[in-house]
Amino acid sequence: MSLRFTEVADRVHVLREPLLDINVTLVVGDGEALLVDTLSTAGQAAGLAEAARAVTGHPWTLVNTHHHFDHCFGNATLAGDPPRPVYAHELAAAALRDAPDRLRREAYEELRGERPGLAAEVAGTALLAPTHPVHTEAVLEVGGRRVVLRHPGRGHTDADLVVHVPDADVLVAGDLVEQSGPPAFEDSYPLQWPDAVAELLRLTTSATVVVPGHGTPVDVDFVRAQHKQLVDLAWLIRAAHTAGAPPERVAAEAPFGARPALIAARRGYAELDGTA
């Protein structure tokens, strides 16, 4: 299946990869472009490059919203030779630089049950670590357009970056916001995640297009509703931990469904116990 970008705002295009429902965002400026996230494998990244070239012939800079395989394992293919700049939070950059074998192994284990073919491909993918680590914020000029990369705090991971394109009123949220399924809590900080989403809400207007990590672009009302769910979940985790209740008690009452909530509760308990 060929991949295709759709314009969601002025010269901001989103591609929705069908296998894992991942979003890639392409920002086009005068003579330059920016690609946010790079998919899971060299093969997927090659298809992504073809789709981007159908929109623009400009050279691009890359941004990884975080270090999970589906958002950054295509770096080596898309950066080219010699490689173009690749931006990510400093902890995501360190993980890709220092622990590529661990990241490939974790991705393989996650995929092998339901998608063995993709698991094998991911396991054999060469990884390229980001070249430009971001601590809190970086401002890029992309062909005359101001683009802000911001770390809003711990949430989906400890290394999330959001990408703000103010002149188009677009915010690329990565997996801090999810539309096609519940948030993923395996590497999360559920007690801090609401604060991270509150930080990105400060970058929005009533007309902002928010690009989630997976699923259809959403409006600010959707993000506010998900923020409230995250706040409710964090409150339930704190109350249950204080009462000495097991994490399963949280899962029975929390938003997002029992399985994600149980993972979130265990992660939240670890935060409260100082072991996360």
C-alpha atoms as a PDB file:
ATOM      1  CA  MET A   1       0.000   0.000   0.000  1.00  0.00           C
ATOM      2  CA  SER A   2       1.446   3.385  -1.000  1.00  0.00           C
ATOM      3  CA  LEU A   3       1.726   6.076   1.641  1.00  0.00           C
ATOM      4  CA  ARG A   4       0.308   9.559   1.118  1.00  0.00           C
ATOM      5  CA  PHE A   5       0.372  12.870   2.964  1.00  0.00           C
ATOM      6  CA  THR A   6      -2.726  15.017   3.514  1.00  0.00           C
ATOM      7  CA  GLU A   7      -2.458  18.769   4.098  1.00  0.00           C
ATOM      8  CA  VAL A   8      -4.041  19.665   7.463  1.00  0.00           C
ATOM      9  CA  ALA A   9      -2.963  23.330   7.584  1.00  0.00           C
ATOM     10  CA  ASP A  10      -0.898  25.719   5.497  1.00  0.00           C
ATOM     11  CA  ARG A  11       1.997  23.599   4.149  1.00  0.00           C
ATOM     12  CA  VAL A  12       1.702  21.170   7.060  1.00  0.00           C
ATOM     13  CA  HIS A  13       0.968  17.636   5.917  1.00  0.00           C
ATOM     14  CA  VAL A  14       0.210  14.455   7.878  1.00  0.00           C
ATOM     15  CA  LEU A  15       0.733  10.867   6.762  1.00  0.00           C
ATOM     16  CA  ARG A  16      -1.113   8.139   8.642  1.00  0.00           C
ATOM     17  CA  GLU A  17       0.762   4.831   8.364  1.00  0.00           C
ATOM     18  CA  PRO A  18      -1.879   2.081   8.223  1.00  0.00           C
ATOM     19  CA  LEU A  19      -0.182  -0.824   9.989  1.00  0.00           C
ATOM     20  CA  LEU A  20       0.326   0.744  13.433  1.00  0.00           C
ATOM     21  CA  ASP A  21      -1.709   3.909  12.726  1.00  0.00           C
ATOM     22  CA  ILE A  22       1.305   6.177  13.283  1.00  0.00           C
ATOM     23  CA  ASN A  23       1.313   9.806  12.208  1.00  0.00           C
ATOM     24  CA  VAL A  24       4.231  11.486  10.461  1.00  0.00           C
ATOM     25  CA  THR A  25       4.113  15.253   9.964  1.00  0.00           C
ATOM     26  CA  LEU A  26       5.820  17.153   7.140  1.00  0.00           C
ATOM     27  CA  VAL A  27       6.322  20.909   7.491  1.00  0.00           C
ATOM     28  CA  VAL A  28       7.321  22.644   4.243  1.00  0.00           C
ATOM     29  CA  GLY A  29       9.088  26.001   4.163  1.00  0.00           C
ATOM     30  CA  ASP A  30      10.931  27.951   1.480  1.00  0.00           C
ATOM     31  CA  GLY A  31      13.668  25.611   0.304  1.00  0.00           C
ATOM     32  CA  GLU A  32      13.599  23.491   3.473  1.00  0.00           C
ATOM     33  CA  ALA A  33      11.317  20.974   5.167  1.00  0.00           C
ATOM     34  CA  LEU A  34      10.910  19.189   8.491  1.00  0.00           C
ATOM     35  CA  LEU A  35       9.811  15.579   9.025  1.00  0.00           C
ATOM     36  CA  VAL A  36       8.458  14.667  12.455  1.00  0.00           C
ATOM     37  CA  ASP A  37       8.949  10.930  13.168  1.00  0.00           C
ATOM     38  CA  THR A  38      10.310   8.304  10.811  1.00  0.00           C
ATOM     39  CA  LEU A  39       8.276   5.052  11.263  1.00  0.00           C
ATOM     40  CA  SER A  40       9.488   1.598  12.259  1.00  0.00           C
ATOM     41  CA  THR A  41      11.782   0.081   9.636  1.00  0.00           C
ATOM     42  CA  ALA A  42      14.024   0.900   6.701  1.00  0.00           C
ATOM     43  CA  GLY A  43      11.327  -0.341   4.316  1.00  0.00           C
ATOM     44  CA  GLN A  44       8.630   1.835   5.868  1.00  0.00           C
ATOM     45  CA  ALA A  45      11.008   4.807   5.869  1.00  0.00           C
ATOM     46  CA  ALA A  46      11.732   4.321   2.166  1.00  0.00           C
ATOM     47  CA  GLY A  47       7.994   4.466   1.467  1.00  0.00           C
ATOM     48  CA  LEU A  48       7.733   7.528   3.677  1.00  0.00           C
ATOM     49  CA  ALA A  49      10.538   9.239   1.744  1.00  0.00           C
ATOM     50  CA  GLU A  50       8.724   8.585  -1.527  1.00  0.00           C
ATOM     51  CA  ALA A  51       5.516  10.060  -0.128  1.00  0.00           C
ATOM     52  CA  ALA A  52       7.364  13.137   1.167  1.00  0.00           C
ATOM     53  CA  ARG A  53       9.076  13.623  -2.203  1.00  0.00           C
ATOM     54  CA  ALA A  54       5.636  13.699  -3.813  1.00  0.00           C
ATOM     55  CA  VAL A  55       4.946  16.805  -1.698  1.00  0.00           C
ATOM     56  CA  THR A  56       8.322  18.562  -1.767  1.00  0.00           C
ATOM     57  CA  GLY A  57      11.793  18.211  -3.188  1.00  0.00           C
ATOM     58  CA  HIS A  58      13.330  20.291  -0.394  1.00  0.00           C
ATOM     59  CA  PRO A  59      15.948  18.783   1.944  1.00  0.00           C
ATOM     60  CA  TRP A  60      14.527  17.943   5.335  1.00  0.00           C
ATOM     61  CA  THR A  61      15.533  17.990   8.954  1.00  0.00           C
ATOM     62  CA  LEU A  62      14.218  15.179  11.165  1.00  0.00           C
ATOM     63  CA  VAL A  63      12.599  15.258  14.603  1.00  0.00           C
ATOM     64  CA  ASN A  64      11.803  12.250  16.802  1.00  0.00           C
ATOM     65  CA  THR A  65       8.960  12.828  19.276  1.00  0.00           C
ATOM     66  CA  HIS A  66      10.433  10.047  21.435  1.00  0.00           C
ATOM     67  CA  HIS A  67      12.537   6.882  21.223  1.00  0.00           C
ATOM     68  CA  HIS A  68       9.908   4.151  20.742  1.00  0.00           C
ATOM     69  CA  PHE A  69      10.596   2.097  17.630  1.00  0.00           C
ATOM     70  CA  ASP A  70       7.562   3.201  15.614  1.00  0.00           C
ATOM     71  CA  HIS A  71       8.641   6.849  15.792  1.00  0.00           C
ATOM     72  CA  CYS A  72      12.381   6.716  15.134  1.00  0.00           C
ATOM     73  CA  PHE A  73      13.687   3.454  13.657  1.00  0.00           C
ATOM     74  CA  GLY A  74      13.494   4.966  10.155  1.00  0.00           C
ATOM     75  CA  ASN A  75      16.093   7.634  11.010  1.00  0.00           C
ATOM     76  CA  ALA A  76      19.004   6.036   9.151  1.00  0.00           C
ATOM     77  CA  THR A  77      17.052   5.764   5.901  1.00  0.00           C
ATOM     78  CA  LEU A  78      15.533   9.239   6.000  1.00  0.00           C
ATOM     79  CA  ALA A  79      18.599  11.148   7.217  1.00  0.00           C
ATOM     80  CA  GLY A  80      20.498  10.213   4.052  1.00  0.00           C
ATOM     81  CA  ASP A  81      24.246  10.246   3.446  1.00  0.00           C
ATOM     82  CA  PRO A  82      25.776  12.485   4.627  1.00  0.00           C
ATOM     83  CA  PRO A  83      23.069  12.557   7.278  1.00  0.00           C
ATOM     84  CA  ARG A  84      20.743  15.509   7.739  1.00  0.00           C
ATOM     85  CA  PRO A  85      20.229  16.844  11.299  1.00  0.00           C
ATOM     86  CA  VAL A  86      18.067  14.716  13.608  1.00  0.00           C
ATOM     87  CA  TYR A  87      16.549  16.350  16.712  1.00  0.00           C
ATOM     88  CA  ALA A  88      15.192  14.565  19.802  1.00  0.00           C
ATOM     89  CA  HIS A  89      15.061  15.026  23.542  1.00  0.00           C
ATOM     90  CA  GLU A  90      18.452  14.365  25.078  1.00  0.00           C
ATOM     91  CA  LEU A  91      17.271  11.183  26.837  1.00  0.00           C
ATOM     92  CA  ALA A  92      15.803   9.796  23.608  1.00  0.00           C
ATOM     93  CA  ALA A  93      19.055  10.609  21.826  1.00  0.00           C
ATOM     94  CA  ALA A  94      21.029   8.849  24.564  1.00  0.00           C
ATOM     95  CA  ALA A  95      18.833   5.744  24.396  1.00  0.00           C
ATOM     96  CA  LEU A  96      19.271   5.435  20.627  1.00  0.00           C
ATOM     97  CA  ARG A  97      22.996   6.079  20.919  1.00  0.00           C
ATOM     98  CA  ASP A  98      23.800   3.907  23.943  1.00  0.00           C
ATOM     99  CA  ALA A  99      21.210   1.119  23.894  1.00  0.00           C
ATOM    100  CA  PRO A 100      20.224   0.282  20.294  1.00  0.00           C
ATOM    101  CA  ASP A 101      20.292  -3.466  20.944  1.00  0.00           C
ATOM    102  CA  ARG A 102      17.933  -3.080  23.914  1.00  0.00           C
ATOM    103  CA  LEU A 103      15.519  -0.949  21.888  1.00  0.00           C
ATOM    104  CA  ARG A 104      15.500  -3.458  19.028  1.00  0.00           C
ATOM    105  CA  ARG A 105      14.983  -6.360  21.444  1.00  0.00           C
ATOM    106  CA  GLU A 106      12.097  -4.627  23.226  1.00  0.00           C
ATOM    107  CA  ALA A 107      10.451  -3.812  19.905  1.00  0.00           C
ATOM    108  CA  TYR A 108      10.840  -7.402  18.740  1.00  0.00           C
ATOM    109  CA  GLU A 109       9.270  -8.751  21.920  1.00  0.00           C
ATOM    110  CA  GLU A 110       6.359  -6.324  21.611  1.00  0.00           C
ATOM    111  CA  LEU A 111       5.623  -7.286  18.010  1.00  0.00           C
ATOM    112  CA  ARG A 112       6.498 -10.948  17.600  1.00  0.00           C
ATOM    113  CA  GLY A 113       3.173 -12.359  18.804  1.00  0.00           C
ATOM    114  CA  GLU A 114       0.812 -10.474  16.496  1.00  0.00           C
ATOM    115  CA  ARG A 115       3.174  -9.210  13.768  1.00  0.00           C
ATOM    116  CA  PRO A 116       6.102 -11.632  13.432  1.00  0.00           C
ATOM    117  CA  GLY A 117       7.097 -10.328  10.008  1.00  0.00           C
ATOM    118  CA  LEU A 118       7.341  -6.763  11.217  1.00  0.00           C
ATOM    119  CA  ALA A 119       9.113  -7.962  14.365  1.00  0.00           C
ATOM    120  CA  ALA A 120      11.837  -9.607  12.282  1.00  0.00           C
ATOM    121  CA  GLU A 121      12.219  -6.514  10.127  1.00  0.00           C
ATOM    122  CA  VAL A 122      12.454  -4.238  13.157  1.00  0.00           C
ATOM    123  CA  ALA A 123      15.056  -6.498  14.764  1.00  0.00           C
ATOM    124  CA  GLY A 124      17.287  -6.116  11.710  1.00  0.00           C
ATOM    125  CA  THR A 125      16.943  -2.342  11.324  1.00  0.00           C
ATOM    126  CA  ALA A 126      20.055  -0.180  11.621  1.00  0.00           C
ATOM    127  CA  LEU A 127      19.476   2.657  14.075  1.00  0.00           C
ATOM    128  CA  LEU A 128      20.722   6.216  13.791  1.00  0.00           C
ATOM    129  CA  ALA A 129      20.930   8.248  16.979  1.00  0.00           C
ATOM    130  CA  PRO A 130      19.760  11.875  16.875  1.00  0.00           C
ATOM    131  CA  THR A 131      22.536  14.376  16.266  1.00  0.00           C
ATOM    132  CA  HIS A 132      20.935  17.375  17.990  1.00  0.00           C
ATOM    133  CA  PRO A 133      19.736  16.649  21.548  1.00  0.00           C
ATOM    134  CA  VAL A 134      17.169  19.006  23.089  1.00  0.00           C
ATOM    135  CA  HIS A 135      16.991  19.638  26.834  1.00  0.00           C
ATOM    136  CA  THR A 136      13.910  21.844  27.253  1.00  0.00           C
ATOM    137  CA  GLU A 137      13.370  23.807  24.044  1.00  0.00           C
ATOM    138  CA  ALA A 138      14.871  24.453  20.629  1.00  0.00           C
ATOM    139  CA  VAL A 139      13.682  26.901  17.988  1.00  0.00           C
ATOM    140  CA  LEU A 140      14.233  25.983  14.339  1.00  0.00           C
ATOM    141  CA  GLU A 141      13.922  28.087  11.205  1.00  0.00           C
ATOM    142  CA  VAL A 142      12.479  25.867   8.480  1.00  0.00           C
ATOM    143  CA  GLY A 143      12.607  27.858   5.262  1.00  0.00           C
ATOM    144  CA  GLY A 144      11.411  31.049   6.933  1.00  0.00           C
ATOM    145  CA  ARG A 145       8.979  29.307   9.293  1.00  0.00           C
ATOM    146  CA  ARG A 146       9.492  29.268  13.054  1.00  0.00           C
ATOM    147  CA  VAL A 147       9.109  25.789  14.547  1.00  0.00           C
ATOM    148  CA  VAL A 148       9.447  25.195  18.294  1.00  0.00           C
ATOM    149  CA  LEU A 149      10.517  21.866  19.770  1.00  0.00           C
ATOM    150  CA  ARG A 150       9.521  21.619  23.418  1.00  0.00           C
ATOM    151  CA  HIS A 151       9.863  19.021  26.173  1.00  0.00           C
ATOM    152  CA  PRO A 152       6.730  19.545  28.314  1.00  0.00           C
ATOM    153  CA  GLY A 153       7.838  17.192  31.083  1.00  0.00           C
ATOM    154  CA  ARG A 154       7.510  13.495  31.766  1.00  0.00           C
ATOM    155  CA  GLY A 155       4.424  11.825  30.391  1.00  0.00           C
ATOM    156  CA  HIS A 156       4.258   9.020  27.845  1.00  0.00           C
ATOM    157  CA  THR A 157       8.020   8.679  28.413  1.00  0.00           C
ATOM    158  CA  ASP A 158      10.698  10.770  30.112  1.00  0.00           C
ATOM    159  CA  ALA A 159      11.821  12.020  26.683  1.00  0.00           C
ATOM    160  CA  ASP A 160       8.774  13.407  24.861  1.00  0.00           C
ATOM    161  CA  LEU A 161       9.080  16.335  22.447  1.00  0.00           C
ATOM    162  CA  VAL A 162       6.173  18.261  20.977  1.00  0.00           C
ATOM    163  CA  VAL A 163       6.524  20.252  17.766  1.00  0.00           C
ATOM    164  CA  HIS A 164       4.718  23.590  17.499  1.00  0.00           C
ATOM    165  CA  VAL A 165       4.227  25.371  14.154  1.00  0.00           C
ATOM    166  CA  PRO A 166       2.761  28.708  15.279  1.00  0.00           C
ATOM    167  CA  ASP A 167       2.104  30.265  11.864  1.00  0.00           C
ATOM    168  CA  ALA A 168      -0.089  27.280  10.903  1.00  0.00           C
ATOM    169  CA  ASP A 169      -1.528  26.795  14.432  1.00  0.00           C
ATOM    170  CA  VAL A 170      -0.490  23.132  14.448  1.00  0.00           C
ATOM    171  CA  LEU A 171       0.830  21.166  17.426  1.00  0.00           C
ATOM    172  CA  VAL A 172       2.392  17.744  16.897  1.00  0.00           C
ATOM    173  CA  ALA A 173       1.905  16.011  20.239  1.00  0.00           C
ATOM    174  CA  GLY A 174       3.490  12.605  19.674  1.00  0.00           C
ATOM    175  CA  ASP A 175       2.135   9.926  21.992  1.00  0.00           C
ATOM    176  CA  LEU A 176       1.293  12.423  24.732  1.00  0.00           C
ATOM    177  CA  VAL A 177      -2.089  12.550  22.976  1.00  0.00           C
ATOM    178  CA  GLU A 178      -3.729   9.492  21.409  1.00  0.00           C
ATOM    179  CA  GLN A 179      -6.851   9.276  19.272  1.00  0.00           C
ATOM    180  CA  SER A 180      -7.066   5.756  17.843  1.00  0.00           C
ATOM    181  CA  GLY A 181      -6.624   3.938  21.145  1.00  0.00           C
ATOM    182  CA  PRO A 182      -5.878   4.520  24.825  1.00  0.00           C
ATOM    183  CA  PRO A 183      -2.598   6.112  25.881  1.00  0.00           C
ATOM    184  CA  ALA A 184       0.293   3.667  26.234  1.00  0.00           C
ATOM    185  CA  PHE A 185       1.604   3.559  29.790  1.00  0.00           C
ATOM    186  CA  GLU A 186       4.423   0.987  29.631  1.00  0.00           C
ATOM    187  CA  ASP A 187       7.224   3.603  29.937  1.00  0.00           C
ATOM    188  CA  SER A 188       5.039   6.355  31.328  1.00  0.00           C
ATOM    189  CA  TYR A 189       4.895   8.676  34.306  1.00  0.00           C
ATOM    190  CA  PRO A 190       1.115   8.759  34.845  1.00  0.00           C
ATOM    191  CA  LEU A 191       1.258  11.112  37.827  1.00  0.00           C
ATOM    192  CA  GLN A 192       3.181  13.695  35.774  1.00  0.00           C
ATOM    193  CA  TRP A 193       1.484  13.108  32.419  1.00  0.00           C
ATOM    194  CA  PRO A 194      -1.429  15.501  33.180  1.00  0.00           C
ATOM    195  CA  ASP A 195       1.051  18.339  33.784  1.00  0.00           C
ATOM    196  CA  ALA A 196       2.778  17.611  30.472  1.00  0.00           C
ATOM    197  CA  VAL A 197      -0.544  17.789  28.606  1.00  0.00           C
ATOM    198  CA  ALA A 198      -1.459  20.977  30.476  1.00  0.00           C
ATOM    199  CA  GLU A 199       1.821  22.446  29.229  1.00  0.00           C
ATOM    200  CA  LEU A 200       0.974  21.658  25.633  1.00  0.00           C
ATOM    201  CA  LEU A 201      -2.529  23.041  26.053  1.00  0.00           C
ATOM    202  CA  ARG A 202      -0.847  26.387  26.785  1.00  0.00           C
ATOM    203  CA  LEU A 203       0.459  26.315  23.208  1.00  0.00           C
ATOM    204  CA  THR A 204      -3.005  25.925  21.682  1.00  0.00           C
ATOM    205  CA  THR A 205      -5.827  28.189  20.555  1.00  0.00           C
ATOM    206  CA  SER A 206      -9.442  27.309  19.907  1.00  0.00           C
ATOM    207  CA  ALA A 207      -8.491  26.574  16.278  1.00  0.00           C
ATOM    208  CA  THR A 208      -5.310  24.540  16.809  1.00  0.00           C
ATOM    209  CA  VAL A 209      -4.926  21.314  14.872  1.00  0.00           C
ATOM    210  CA  VAL A 210      -3.343  18.755  17.212  1.00  0.00           C
ATOM    211  CA  VAL A 211      -1.625  15.783  15.582  1.00  0.00           C
ATOM    212  CA  PRO A 212      -1.672  12.805  17.973  1.00  0.00           C
ATOM    213  CA  GLY A 213       0.898  10.046  17.864  1.00  0.00           C
ATOM    214  CA  HIS A 214      -1.686   7.650  16.439  1.00  0.00           C
ATOM    215  CA  GLY A 215      -5.043   8.329  14.807  1.00  0.00           C
ATOM    216  CA  THR A 216      -6.900  11.261  13.301  1.00  0.00           C
ATOM    217  CA  PRO A 217      -5.816  14.867  14.018  1.00  0.00           C
ATOM    218  CA  VAL A 218      -7.939  16.354  16.794  1.00  0.00           C
ATOM    219  CA  ASP A 219      -9.016  19.710  18.173  1.00  0.00           C
ATOM    220  CA  VAL A 220      -8.249  21.301  21.506  1.00  0.00           C
ATOM    221  CA  ASP A 221     -11.509  20.075  23.056  1.00  0.00           C
ATOM    222  CA  PHE A 222     -10.388  16.487  22.485  1.00  0.00           C
ATOM    223  CA  VAL A 223      -7.072  17.229  24.209  1.00  0.00           C
ATOM    224  CA  ARG A 224      -8.846  18.861  27.153  1.00  0.00           C
ATOM    225  CA  ALA A 225     -11.075  15.799  27.528  1.00  0.00           C
ATOM    226  CA  GLN A 226      -8.095  13.454  27.468  1.00  0.00           C
ATOM    227  CA  HIS A 227      -6.303  15.698  29.965  1.00  0.00           C
ATOM    228  CA  LYS A 228      -9.266  15.346  32.342  1.00  0.00           C
ATOM    229  CA  GLN A 229      -9.114  11.554  32.010  1.00  0.00           C
ATOM    230  CA  LEU A 230      -5.405  11.618  32.817  1.00  0.00           C
ATOM    231  CA  VAL A 231      -6.075  13.832  35.845  1.00  0.00           C
ATOM    232  CA  ASP A 232      -8.786  11.437  37.045  1.00  0.00           C
ATOM    233  CA  LEU A 233      -6.453   8.476  36.584  1.00  0.00           C
ATOM    234  CA  ALA A 234      -3.637  10.160  38.522  1.00  0.00           C
ATOM    235  CA  TRP A 235      -6.052  10.996  41.365  1.00  0.00           C
ATOM    236  CA  LEU A 236      -7.264   7.386  41.539  1.00  0.00           C
ATOM    237  CA  ILE A 237      -3.675   6.091  41.634  1.00  0.00           C
ATOM    238  CA  ARG A 238      -2.705   8.435  44.467  1.00  0.00           C
ATOM    239  CA  ALA A 239      -5.836   7.665  46.489  1.00  0.00           C
ATOM    240  CA  ALA A 240      -5.494   3.896  46.084  1.00  0.00           C
ATOM    241  CA  HIS A 241      -1.790   3.984  46.959  1.00  0.00           C
ATOM    242  CA  THR A 242      -2.502   6.022  50.097  1.00  0.00           C
ATOM    243  CA  ALA A 243      -5.212   3.541  51.101  1.00  0.00           C
ATOM    244  CA  GLY A 244      -2.894   0.586  50.573  1.00  0.00           C
ATOM    245  CA  ALA A 245      -5.149  -0.822  47.859  1.00  0.00           C
ATOM    246  CA  PRO A 246      -3.690  -3.036  45.132  1.00  0.00           C
ATOM    247  CA  PRO A 247      -3.187  -1.606  41.621  1.00  0.00           C
ATOM    248  CA  GLU A 248      -6.023  -3.830  40.422  1.00  0.00           C
ATOM    249  CA  ARG A 249      -8.428  -1.617  42.386  1.00  0.00           C
ATOM    250  CA  VAL A 250      -7.420   1.342  40.209  1.00  0.00           C
ATOM    251  CA  ALA A 251      -7.865  -0.704  37.035  1.00  0.00           C
ATOM    252  CA  ALA A 252     -11.444  -1.502  37.981  1.00  0.00           C
ATOM    253  CA  GLU A 253     -12.415   2.167  38.281  1.00  0.00           C
ATOM    254  CA  ALA A 254     -10.104   4.107  35.980  1.00  0.00           C
ATOM    255  CA  PRO A 255     -10.522   5.615  32.498  1.00  0.00           C
ATOM    256  CA  PHE A 256      -8.993   4.014  29.391  1.00  0.00           C
ATOM    257  CA  GLY A 257      -9.921   0.400  30.170  1.00  0.00           C
ATOM    258  CA  ALA A 258      -8.707  -2.192  32.650  1.00  0.00           C
ATOM    259  CA  ARG A 259      -5.471  -3.301  30.981  1.00  0.00           C
ATOM    260  CA  PRO A 260      -4.005   0.167  30.250  1.00  0.00           C
ATOM    261  CA  ALA A 261      -5.142   1.401  33.664  1.00  0.00           C
ATOM    262  CA  LEU A 262      -3.456  -1.521  35.431  1.00  0.00           C
ATOM    263  CA  ILE A 263      -0.182  -0.741  33.675  1.00  0.00           C
ATOM    264  CA  ALA A 264      -0.625   2.932  34.597  1.00  0.00           C
ATOM    265  CA  ALA A 265      -1.382   2.071  38.221  1.00  0.00           C
ATOM    266  CA  ARG A 266       1.752  -0.045  38.549  1.00  0.00           C
ATOM    267  CA  ARG A 267       3.843   2.716  37.004  1.00  0.00           C
ATOM    268  CA  GLY A 268       2.205   5.297  39.291  1.00  0.00           C
ATOM    269  CA  TYR A 269       2.824   3.173  42.371  1.00  0.00           C
ATOM    270  CA  ALA A 270       6.475   2.936  41.327  1.00  0.00           C
ATOM    271  CA  GLU A 271       6.609   6.734  41.071  1.00  0.00           C
ATOM    272  CA  LEU A 272       5.150   7.079  44.561  1.00  0.00           C
ATOM    273  CA  ASP A 273       7.508   4.422  45.924  1.00  0.00           C
ATOM    274  CA  GLY A 274      10.509   6.134  44.325  1.00  0.00           C
ATOM    275  CA  THR A 275      11.388   3.194  42.098  1.00  0.00           C
ATOM    276  CA  ALA A 276      10.302   4.603  38.697  1.00  0.00           C
END
